[in-house]
mmCIF file of all heavy atoms, coordinates in Angstrom:
data_MODEL
# 
_entry.id   MODEL 
# 
loop_
_atom_site.group_PDB 
_atom_site.id 
_atom_site.type_symbol 
_atom_site.label_atom_id 
_atom_site.label_alt_id 
_atom_site.label_comp_id 
_atom_site.label_asym_id 
_atom_site.label_entity_id 
_atom_site.label_seq_id 
_atom_site.pdbx_PDB_ins_code 
_atom_site.Cartn_x 
_atom_site.Cartn_y 
_atom_site.Cartn_z 
_atom_site.occupancy 
_atom_site.B_iso_or_equiv 
_atom_site.pdbx_formal_charge 
_atom_site.auth_seq_id 
_atom_site.auth_comp_id 
_atom_site.auth_asym_id 
_atom_site.auth_atom_id 
_atom_site.pdbx_PDB_model_num 
ATOM 1   N N   . LYS A 1 1  ? -6.622  -8.250  8.320   1.00 0.00 ? 1  LYS A N   1 
ATOM 2   C CA  . LYS A 1 1  ? -7.571  -7.745  9.314   1.00 0.00 ? 1  LYS A CA  1 
ATOM 3   C C   . LYS A 1 1  ? -8.000  -8.864  10.265  1.00 0.00 ? 1  LYS A C   1 
ATOM 4   O O   . LYS A 1 1  ? -8.106  -8.657  11.472  1.00 0.00 ? 1  LYS A O   1 
ATOM 5   C CB  . LYS A 1 1  ? -8.792  -7.123  8.633   1.00 0.00 ? 1  LYS A CB  1 
ATOM 6   C CG  . LYS A 1 1  ? -8.575  -5.682  8.185   1.00 0.00 ? 1  LYS A CG  1 
ATOM 7   C CD  . LYS A 1 1  ? -9.852  -5.047  7.703   1.00 0.00 ? 1  LYS A CD  1 
ATOM 8   C CE  . LYS A 1 1  ? -10.932 -4.977  8.756   1.00 0.00 ? 1  LYS A CE  1 
ATOM 9   N NZ  . LYS A 1 1  ? -10.576 -4.104  9.894   1.00 0.00 ? 1  LYS A NZ  1 
ATOM 10  N N   . ILE A 1 2  ? -8.239  -10.050 9.724   1.00 0.00 ? 2  ILE A N   1 
ATOM 11  C CA  . ILE A 1 2  ? -8.608  -11.183 10.568  1.00 0.00 ? 2  ILE A CA  1 
ATOM 12  C C   . ILE A 1 2  ? -7.447  -11.555 11.488  1.00 0.00 ? 2  ILE A C   1 
ATOM 13  O O   . ILE A 1 2  ? -7.616  -11.747 12.703  1.00 0.00 ? 2  ILE A O   1 
ATOM 14  C CB  . ILE A 1 2  ? -9.006  -12.390 9.701   1.00 0.00 ? 2  ILE A CB  1 
ATOM 15  C CG1 . ILE A 1 2  ? -10.325 -12.109 8.965   1.00 0.00 ? 2  ILE A CG1 1 
ATOM 16  C CG2 . ILE A 1 2  ? -9.134  -13.655 10.554  1.00 0.00 ? 2  ILE A CG2 1 
ATOM 17  C CD1 . ILE A 1 2  ? -10.667 -13.132 7.906   1.00 0.00 ? 2  ILE A CD1 1 
ATOM 18  N N   . LEU A 1 3  ? -6.239  -11.648 10.911  1.00 0.00 ? 3  LEU A N   1 
ATOM 19  C CA  . LEU A 1 3  ? -5.061  -12.045 11.682  1.00 0.00 ? 3  LEU A CA  1 
ATOM 20  C C   . LEU A 1 3  ? -4.813  -11.095 12.854  1.00 0.00 ? 3  LEU A C   1 
ATOM 21  O O   . LEU A 1 3  ? -4.744  -11.525 14.015  1.00 0.00 ? 3  LEU A O   1 
ATOM 22  C CB  . LEU A 1 3  ? -3.833  -12.071 10.769  1.00 0.00 ? 3  LEU A CB  1 
ATOM 23  C CG  . LEU A 1 3  ? -2.485  -12.318 11.462  1.00 0.00 ? 3  LEU A CG  1 
ATOM 24  C CD1 . LEU A 1 3  ? -2.426  -13.729 12.021  1.00 0.00 ? 3  LEU A CD1 1 
ATOM 25  C CD2 . LEU A 1 3  ? -1.332  -12.066 10.485  1.00 0.00 ? 3  LEU A CD2 1 
ATOM 26  N N   . TYR A 1 4  ? -4.661  -9.807  12.555  1.00 0.00 ? 4  TYR A N   1 
ATOM 27  C CA  . TYR A 1 4  ? -4.339  -8.853  13.621  1.00 0.00 ? 4  TYR A CA  1 
ATOM 28  C C   . TYR A 1 4  ? -5.533  -8.603  14.542  1.00 0.00 ? 4  TYR A C   1 
ATOM 29  O O   . TYR A 1 4  ? -5.365  -8.287  15.718  1.00 0.00 ? 4  TYR A O   1 
ATOM 30  C CB  . TYR A 1 4  ? -3.803  -7.553  13.017  1.00 0.00 ? 4  TYR A CB  1 
ATOM 31  C CG  . TYR A 1 4  ? -2.391  -7.703  12.503  1.00 0.00 ? 4  TYR A CG  1 
ATOM 32  C CD1 . TYR A 1 4  ? -2.127  -7.760  11.136  1.00 0.00 ? 4  TYR A CD1 1 
ATOM 33  C CD2 . TYR A 1 4  ? -1.329  -7.812  13.377  1.00 0.00 ? 4  TYR A CD2 1 
ATOM 34  C CE1 . TYR A 1 4  ? -0.824  -7.916  10.657  1.00 0.00 ? 4  TYR A CE1 1 
ATOM 35  C CE2 . TYR A 1 4  ? -0.024  -7.960  12.922  1.00 0.00 ? 4  TYR A CE2 1 
ATOM 36  C CZ  . TYR A 1 4  ? 0.221   -8.028  11.564  1.00 0.00 ? 4  TYR A CZ  1 
ATOM 37  O OH  . TYR A 1 4  ? 1.511   -8.186  11.107  1.00 0.00 ? 4  TYR A OH  1 
ATOM 38  N N   . GLY A 1 5  ? -6.723  -8.775  14.010  1.00 0.00 ? 5  GLY A N   1 
ATOM 39  C CA  . GLY A 1 5  ? -7.923  -8.608  14.829  1.00 0.00 ? 5  GLY A CA  1 
ATOM 40  C C   . GLY A 1 5  ? -8.037  -9.638  15.934  1.00 0.00 ? 5  GLY A C   1 
ATOM 41  O O   . GLY A 1 5  ? -8.707  -9.395  16.950  1.00 0.00 ? 5  GLY A O   1 
ATOM 42  N N   . THR A 1 6  ? -7.403  -10.800 15.769  1.00 0.00 ? 6  THR A N   1 
ATOM 43  C CA  . THR A 1 6  ? -7.472  -11.830 16.819  1.00 0.00 ? 6  THR A CA  1 
ATOM 44  C C   . THR A 1 6  ? -6.849  -11.355 18.121  1.00 0.00 ? 6  THR A C   1 
ATOM 45  O O   . THR A 1 6  ? -7.144  -11.896 19.188  1.00 0.00 ? 6  THR A O   1 
ATOM 46  C CB  . THR A 1 6  ? -6.755  -13.124 16.373  1.00 0.00 ? 6  THR A CB  1 
ATOM 47  O OG1 . THR A 1 6  ? -5.369  -12.831 16.101  1.00 0.00 ? 6  THR A OG1 1 
ATOM 48  C CG2 . THR A 1 6  ? -7.408  -13.717 15.133  1.00 0.00 ? 6  THR A CG2 1 
ATOM 49  N N   . LYS A 1 7  ? -6.000  -10.346 18.043  1.00 0.00 ? 7  LYS A N   1 
ATOM 50  C CA  . LYS A 1 7  ? -5.372  -9.806  19.252  1.00 0.00 ? 7  LYS A CA  1 
ATOM 51  C C   . LYS A 1 7  ? -5.710  -8.330  19.450  1.00 0.00 ? 7  LYS A C   1 
ATOM 52  O O   . LYS A 1 7  ? -5.007  -7.601  20.140  1.00 0.00 ? 7  LYS A O   1 
ATOM 53  C CB  . LYS A 1 7  ? -3.863  -10.003 19.204  1.00 0.00 ? 7  LYS A CB  1 
ATOM 54  C CG  . LYS A 1 7  ? -3.437  -11.469 19.196  1.00 0.00 ? 7  LYS A CG  1 
ATOM 55  C CD  . LYS A 1 7  ? -1.921  -11.613 19.223  1.00 0.00 ? 7  LYS A CD  1 
ATOM 56  C CE  . LYS A 1 7  ? -1.490  -13.079 19.194  1.00 0.00 ? 7  LYS A CE  1 
ATOM 57  N NZ  . LYS A 1 7  ? -0.009  -13.228 19.227  1.00 0.00 ? 7  LYS A NZ  1 
ATOM 58  N N   . GLY A 1 8  ? -6.802  -7.903  18.816  1.00 0.00 ? 8  GLY A N   1 
ATOM 59  C CA  . GLY A 1 8  ? -7.305  -6.547  19.057  1.00 0.00 ? 8  GLY A CA  1 
ATOM 60  C C   . GLY A 1 8  ? -6.491  -5.439  18.441  1.00 0.00 ? 8  GLY A C   1 
ATOM 61  O O   . GLY A 1 8  ? -6.533  -4.295  18.925  1.00 0.00 ? 8  GLY A O   1 
ATOM 62  N N   . ILE A 1 9  ? -5.771  -5.736  17.356  1.00 0.00 ? 9  ILE A N   1 
ATOM 63  C CA  . ILE A 1 9  ? -4.956  -4.713  16.707  1.00 0.00 ? 9  ILE A CA  1 
ATOM 64  C C   . ILE A 1 9  ? -5.607  -4.284  15.407  1.00 0.00 ? 9  ILE A C   1 
ATOM 65  O O   . ILE A 1 9  ? -5.956  -5.104  14.560  1.00 0.00 ? 9  ILE A O   1 
ATOM 66  C CB  . ILE A 1 9  ? -3.527  -5.234  16.450  1.00 0.00 ? 9  ILE A CB  1 
ATOM 67  C CG1 . ILE A 1 9  ? -2.820  -5.430  17.792  1.00 0.00 ? 9  ILE A CG1 1 
ATOM 68  C CG2 . ILE A 1 9  ? -2.744  -4.277  15.556  1.00 0.00 ? 9  ILE A CG2 1 
ATOM 69  C CD1 . ILE A 1 9  ? -1.399  -5.934  17.689  1.00 0.00 ? 9  ILE A CD1 1 
ATOM 70  N N   . ASN A 1 10 ? -5.781  -2.968  15.252  1.00 0.00 ? 10 ASN A N   1 
ATOM 71  C CA  . ASN A 1 10 ? -6.406  -2.392  14.067  1.00 0.00 ? 10 ASN A CA  1 
ATOM 72  C C   . ASN A 1 10 ? -5.364  -2.186  12.970  1.00 0.00 ? 10 ASN A C   1 
ATOM 73  O O   . ASN A 1 10 ? -4.230  -1.782  13.241  1.00 0.00 ? 10 ASN A O   1 
ATOM 74  C CB  . ASN A 1 10 ? -7.049  -1.045  14.429  1.00 0.00 ? 10 ASN A CB  1 
ATOM 75  C CG  . ASN A 1 10 ? -7.741  -0.409  13.243  1.00 0.00 ? 10 ASN A CG  1 
ATOM 76  O OD1 . ASN A 1 10 ? -8.570  -1.033  12.590  1.00 0.00 ? 10 ASN A OD1 1 
ATOM 77  N ND2 . ASN A 1 10 ? -7.400  0.836   12.951  1.00 0.00 ? 10 ASN A ND2 1 
ATOM 78  N N   . VAL A 1 11 ? -5.751  -2.459  11.734  1.00 0.00 ? 11 VAL A N   1 
ATOM 79  C CA  . VAL A 1 11 ? -4.867  -2.285  10.586  1.00 0.00 ? 11 VAL A CA  1 
ATOM 80  C C   . VAL A 1 11 ? -5.150  -0.946  9.909   1.00 0.00 ? 11 VAL A C   1 
ATOM 81  O O   . VAL A 1 11 ? -6.278  -0.671  9.494   1.00 0.00 ? 11 VAL A O   1 
ATOM 82  C CB  . VAL A 1 11 ? -5.052  -3.428  9.565   1.00 0.00 ? 11 VAL A CB  1 
ATOM 83  C CG1 . VAL A 1 11 ? -4.254  -3.154  8.287   1.00 0.00 ? 11 VAL A CG1 1 
ATOM 84  C CG2 . VAL A 1 11 ? -4.622  -4.757  10.180  1.00 0.00 ? 11 VAL A CG2 1 
ATOM 85  N N   . ILE A 1 12 ? -4.118  -0.119  9.815   1.00 0.00 ? 12 ILE A N   1 
ATOM 86  C CA  . ILE A 1 12 ? -4.163  1.122   9.044   1.00 0.00 ? 12 ILE A CA  1 
ATOM 87  C C   . ILE A 1 12 ? -3.513  0.831   7.692   1.00 0.00 ? 12 ILE A C   1 
ATOM 88  O O   . ILE A 1 12 ? -2.427  0.247   7.628   1.00 0.00 ? 12 ILE A O   1 
ATOM 89  C CB  . ILE A 1 12 ? -3.406  2.253   9.772   1.00 0.00 ? 12 ILE A CB  1 
ATOM 90  C CG1 . ILE A 1 12 ? -4.139  2.630   11.069  1.00 0.00 ? 12 ILE A CG1 1 
ATOM 91  C CG2 . ILE A 1 12 ? -3.250  3.481   8.872   1.00 0.00 ? 12 ILE A CG2 1 
ATOM 92  C CD1 . ILE A 1 12 ? -3.376  3.620   11.935  1.00 0.00 ? 12 ILE A CD1 1 
ATOM 93  N N   . GLY A 1 13 ? -4.170  1.202   6.606   1.00 0.00 ? 13 GLY A N   1 
ATOM 94  C CA  . GLY A 1 13 ? -3.648  0.929   5.268   1.00 0.00 ? 13 GLY A CA  1 
ATOM 95  C C   . GLY A 1 13 ? -2.743  2.041   4.775   1.00 0.00 ? 13 GLY A C   1 
ATOM 96  O O   . GLY A 1 13 ? -3.180  3.194   4.651   1.00 0.00 ? 13 GLY A O   1 
ATOM 97  N N   . VAL A 1 14 ? -1.494  1.716   4.487   1.00 0.00 ? 14 VAL A N   1 
ATOM 98  C CA  . VAL A 1 14 ? -0.514  2.703   4.019   1.00 0.00 ? 14 VAL A CA  1 
ATOM 99  C C   . VAL A 1 14 ? -0.508  2.722   2.492   1.00 0.00 ? 14 VAL A C   1 
ATOM 100 O O   . VAL A 1 14 ? -0.236  1.700   1.851   1.00 0.00 ? 14 VAL A O   1 
ATOM 101 C CB  . VAL A 1 14 ? 0.885   2.390   4.573   1.00 0.00 ? 14 VAL A CB  1 
ATOM 102 C CG1 . VAL A 1 14 ? 1.917   3.359   4.002   1.00 0.00 ? 14 VAL A CG1 1 
ATOM 103 C CG2 . VAL A 1 14 ? 0.882   2.461   6.094   1.00 0.00 ? 14 VAL A CG2 1 
ATOM 104 N N   . THR A 1 15 ? -0.786  3.875   1.912   1.00 0.00 ? 15 THR A N   1 
ATOM 105 C CA  . THR A 1 15 ? -0.981  3.993   0.460   1.00 0.00 ? 15 THR A CA  1 
ATOM 106 C C   . THR A 1 15 ? 0.171   4.652   -0.282  1.00 0.00 ? 15 THR A C   1 
ATOM 107 O O   . THR A 1 15 ? 0.085   4.873   -1.479  1.00 0.00 ? 15 THR A O   1 
ATOM 108 C CB  . THR A 1 15 ? -2.269  4.784   0.174   1.00 0.00 ? 15 THR A CB  1 
ATOM 109 O OG1 . THR A 1 15 ? -2.164  6.084   0.804   1.00 0.00 ? 15 THR A OG1 1 
ATOM 110 C CG2 . THR A 1 15 ? -3.486  4.062   0.703   1.00 0.00 ? 15 THR A CG2 1 
ATOM 111 N N   . LYS A 1 16 ? 1.281   4.961   0.404   1.00 0.00 ? 16 LYS A N   1 
ATOM 112 C CA  . LYS A 1 16 ? 2.352   5.702   -0.280  1.00 0.00 ? 16 LYS A CA  1 
ATOM 113 C C   . LYS A 1 16 ? 2.986   4.907   -1.412  1.00 0.00 ? 16 LYS A C   1 
ATOM 114 O O   . LYS A 1 16 ? 3.370   5.469   -2.433  1.00 0.00 ? 16 LYS A O   1 
ATOM 115 C CB  . LYS A 1 16 ? 3.413   6.154   0.716   1.00 0.00 ? 16 LYS A CB  1 
ATOM 116 C CG  . LYS A 1 16 ? 4.216   5.037   1.370   1.00 0.00 ? 16 LYS A CG  1 
ATOM 117 C CD  . LYS A 1 16 ? 5.261   5.612   2.316   1.00 0.00 ? 16 LYS A CD  1 
ATOM 118 C CE  . LYS A 1 16 ? 6.095   4.498   2.938   1.00 0.00 ? 16 LYS A CE  1 
ATOM 119 N NZ  . LYS A 1 16 ? 7.113   5.037   3.863   1.00 0.00 ? 16 LYS A NZ  1 
ATOM 120 N N   . VAL A 1 17 ? 3.088   3.572   -1.258  1.00 0.00 ? 17 VAL A N   1 
ATOM 121 C CA  . VAL A 1 17 ? 3.749   2.771   -2.290  1.00 0.00 ? 17 VAL A CA  1 
ATOM 122 C C   . VAL A 1 17 ? 2.947   2.757   -3.584  1.00 0.00 ? 17 VAL A C   1 
ATOM 123 O O   . VAL A 1 17 ? 3.506   2.524   -4.665  1.00 0.00 ? 17 VAL A O   1 
ATOM 124 C CB  . VAL A 1 17 ? 3.988   1.331   -1.779  1.00 0.00 ? 17 VAL A CB  1 
ATOM 125 C CG1 . VAL A 1 17 ? 2.710   0.519   -1.757  1.00 0.00 ? 17 VAL A CG1 1 
ATOM 126 C CG2 . VAL A 1 17 ? 5.051   0.621   -2.620  1.00 0.00 ? 17 VAL A CG2 1 
ATOM 127 N N   . ILE A 1 18 ? 1.639   3.015   -3.508  1.00 0.00 ? 18 ILE A N   1 
ATOM 128 C CA  . ILE A 1 18 ? 0.797   3.056   -4.708  1.00 0.00 ? 18 ILE A CA  1 
ATOM 129 C C   . ILE A 1 18 ? 0.449   4.495   -5.092  1.00 0.00 ? 18 ILE A C   1 
ATOM 130 O O   . ILE A 1 18 ? -0.463  4.731   -5.877  1.00 0.00 ? 18 ILE A O   1 
ATOM 131 C CB  . ILE A 1 18 ? -0.487  2.232   -4.507  1.00 0.00 ? 18 ILE A CB  1 
ATOM 132 C CG1 . ILE A 1 18 ? -1.206  2.647   -3.222  1.00 0.00 ? 18 ILE A CG1 1 
ATOM 133 C CG2 . ILE A 1 18 ? -0.171  0.747   -4.481  1.00 0.00 ? 18 ILE A CG2 1 
ATOM 134 C CD1 . ILE A 1 18 ? -2.679  2.544   -3.228  1.00 0.00 ? 18 ILE A CD1 1 
ATOM 135 N N   . GLY A 1 19 ? 1.199   5.446   -4.538  1.00 0.00 ? 19 GLY A N   1 
ATOM 136 C CA  . GLY A 1 19 ? 1.015   6.851   -4.904  1.00 0.00 ? 19 GLY A CA  1 
ATOM 137 C C   . GLY A 1 19 ? -0.384  7.373   -4.642  1.00 0.00 ? 19 GLY A C   1 
ATOM 138 O O   . GLY A 1 19 ? -0.866  8.255   -5.343  1.00 0.00 ? 19 GLY A O   1 
ATOM 139 N N   . GLY A 1 20 ? -1.051  6.824   -3.609  1.00 0.00 ? 20 GLY A N   1 
ATOM 140 C CA  . GLY A 1 20 ? -2.412  7.270   -3.313  1.00 0.00 ? 20 GLY A CA  1 
ATOM 141 C C   . GLY A 1 20 ? -3.400  6.938   -4.413  1.00 0.00 ? 20 GLY A C   1 
ATOM 142 O O   . GLY A 1 20 ? -4.384  7.658   -4.608  1.00 0.00 ? 20 GLY A O   1 
ATOM 143 N N   . ASP A 1 21 ? -3.178  5.855   -5.138  1.00 0.00 ? 21 ASP A N   1 
ATOM 144 C CA  . ASP A 1 21 ? -4.061  5.476   -6.245  1.00 0.00 ? 21 ASP A CA  1 
ATOM 145 C C   . ASP A 1 21 ? -5.489  5.265   -5.732  1.00 0.00 ? 21 ASP A C   1 
ATOM 146 O O   . ASP A 1 21 ? -5.730  4.396   -4.892  1.00 0.00 ? 21 ASP A O   1 
ATOM 147 C CB  . ASP A 1 21 ? -3.559  4.189   -6.881  1.00 0.00 ? 21 ASP A CB  1 
ATOM 148 C CG  . ASP A 1 21 ? -4.398  3.758   -8.070  1.00 0.00 ? 21 ASP A CG  1 
ATOM 149 O OD1 . ASP A 1 21 ? -5.381  3.034   -7.863  1.00 0.00 ? 21 ASP A OD1 1 
ATOM 150 O OD2 . ASP A 1 21 ? -4.063  4.160   -9.197  1.00 0.00 ? 21 ASP A OD2 1 
ATOM 151 N N   . PRO A 1 22 ? -6.464  6.051   -6.222  1.00 0.00 ? 22 PRO A N   1 
ATOM 152 C CA  . PRO A 1 22 ? -7.816  5.969   -5.671  1.00 0.00 ? 22 PRO A CA  1 
ATOM 153 C C   . PRO A 1 22 ? -8.487  4.614   -5.840  1.00 0.00 ? 22 PRO A C   1 
ATOM 154 O O   . PRO A 1 22 ? -9.208  4.168   -4.944  1.00 0.00 ? 22 PRO A O   1 
ATOM 155 C CB  . PRO A 1 22 ? -8.582  7.059   -6.444  1.00 0.00 ? 22 PRO A CB  1 
ATOM 156 C CG  . PRO A 1 22 ? -7.539  8.025   -6.875  1.00 0.00 ? 22 PRO A CG  1 
ATOM 157 C CD  . PRO A 1 22 ? -6.334  7.185   -7.173  1.00 0.00 ? 22 PRO A CD  1 
ATOM 158 N N   . MET A 1 23 ? -8.265  3.952   -6.975  1.00 0.00 ? 23 MET A N   1 
ATOM 159 C CA  . MET A 1 23 ? -8.937  2.670   -7.186  1.00 0.00 ? 23 MET A CA  1 
ATOM 160 C C   . MET A 1 23 ? -8.441  1.611   -6.202  1.00 0.00 ? 23 MET A C   1 
ATOM 161 O O   . MET A 1 23 ? -9.222  0.837   -5.648  1.00 0.00 ? 23 MET A O   1 
ATOM 162 C CB  . MET A 1 23 ? -8.745  2.202   -8.624  1.00 0.00 ? 23 MET A CB  1 
ATOM 163 C CG  . MET A 1 23 ? -9.664  1.047   -9.004  1.00 0.00 ? 23 MET A CG  1 
ATOM 164 S SD  . MET A 1 23 ? -9.455  0.534   -10.721 1.00 0.00 ? 23 MET A SD  1 
ATOM 165 C CE  . MET A 1 23 ? -10.008 2.010   -11.574 1.00 0.00 ? 23 MET A CE  1 
ATOM 166 N N   . ILE A 1 24 ? -7.132  1.589   -5.974  1.00 0.00 ? 24 ILE A N   1 
ATOM 167 C CA  . ILE A 1 24 ? -6.585  0.625   -5.021  1.00 0.00 ? 24 ILE A CA  1 
ATOM 168 C C   . ILE A 1 24 ? -6.977  1.010   -3.602  1.00 0.00 ? 24 ILE A C   1 
ATOM 169 O O   . ILE A 1 24 ? -7.310  0.140   -2.782  1.00 0.00 ? 24 ILE A O   1 
ATOM 170 C CB  . ILE A 1 24 ? -5.056  0.521   -5.174  1.00 0.00 ? 24 ILE A CB  1 
ATOM 171 C CG1 . ILE A 1 24 ? -4.689  0.119   -6.602  1.00 0.00 ? 24 ILE A CG1 1 
ATOM 172 C CG2 . ILE A 1 24 ? -4.491  -0.490  -4.184  1.00 0.00 ? 24 ILE A CG2 1 
ATOM 173 C CD1 . ILE A 1 24 ? -3.194  0.113   -6.883  1.00 0.00 ? 24 ILE A CD1 1 
ATOM 174 N N   . ALA A 1 25 ? -6.958  2.302   -3.304  1.00 0.00 ? 25 ALA A N   1 
ATOM 175 C CA  . ALA A 1 25 ? -7.389  2.753   -1.986  1.00 0.00 ? 25 ALA A CA  1 
ATOM 176 C C   . ALA A 1 25 ? -8.832  2.348   -1.714  1.00 0.00 ? 25 ALA A C   1 
ATOM 177 O O   . ALA A 1 25 ? -9.193  1.960   -0.591  1.00 0.00 ? 25 ALA A O   1 
ATOM 178 C CB  . ALA A 1 25 ? -7.243  4.271   -1.880  1.00 0.00 ? 25 ALA A CB  1 
ATOM 179 N N   . ASP A 1 26 ? -9.659  2.402   -2.736  1.00 0.00 ? 26 ASP A N   1 
ATOM 180 C CA  . ASP A 1 26 ? -11.058 2.013   -2.584  1.00 0.00 ? 26 ASP A CA  1 
ATOM 181 C C   . ASP A 1 26 ? -11.190 0.525   -2.259  1.00 0.00 ? 26 ASP A C   1 
ATOM 182 O O   . ASP A 1 26 ? -12.069 0.121   -1.506  1.00 0.00 ? 26 ASP A O   1 
ATOM 183 C CB  . ASP A 1 26 ? -11.827 2.348   -3.861  1.00 0.00 ? 26 ASP A CB  1 
ATOM 184 C CG  . ASP A 1 26 ? -13.320 2.441   -3.634  1.00 0.00 ? 26 ASP A CG  1 
ATOM 185 O OD1 . ASP A 1 26 ? -13.729 3.002   -2.599  1.00 0.00 ? 26 ASP A OD1 1 
ATOM 186 O OD2 . ASP A 1 26 ? -14.082 1.941   -4.473  1.00 0.00 ? 26 ASP A OD2 1 
ATOM 187 N N   . VAL A 1 27 ? -10.299 -0.293  -2.831  1.00 0.00 ? 27 VAL A N   1 
ATOM 188 C CA  . VAL A 1 27 ? -10.283 -1.724  -2.502  1.00 0.00 ? 27 VAL A CA  1 
ATOM 189 C C   . VAL A 1 27 ? -10.014 -1.903  -1.008  1.00 0.00 ? 27 VAL A C   1 
ATOM 190 O O   . VAL A 1 27 ? -10.663 -2.719  -0.335  1.00 0.00 ? 27 VAL A O   1 
ATOM 191 C CB  . VAL A 1 27 ? -9.218  -2.466  -3.337  1.00 0.00 ? 27 VAL A CB  1 
ATOM 192 C CG1 . VAL A 1 27 ? -9.062  -3.902  -2.852  1.00 0.00 ? 27 VAL A CG1 1 
ATOM 193 C CG2 . VAL A 1 27 ? -9.591  -2.450  -4.807  1.00 0.00 ? 27 VAL A CG2 1 
# 
């Protein structure tokens, strides 16, 4: 978030690799 934020780019978190695991998504 810090890295991409330096150039105004928002990070969307892709959860498919973790099967939509709620605990990891919450992190």
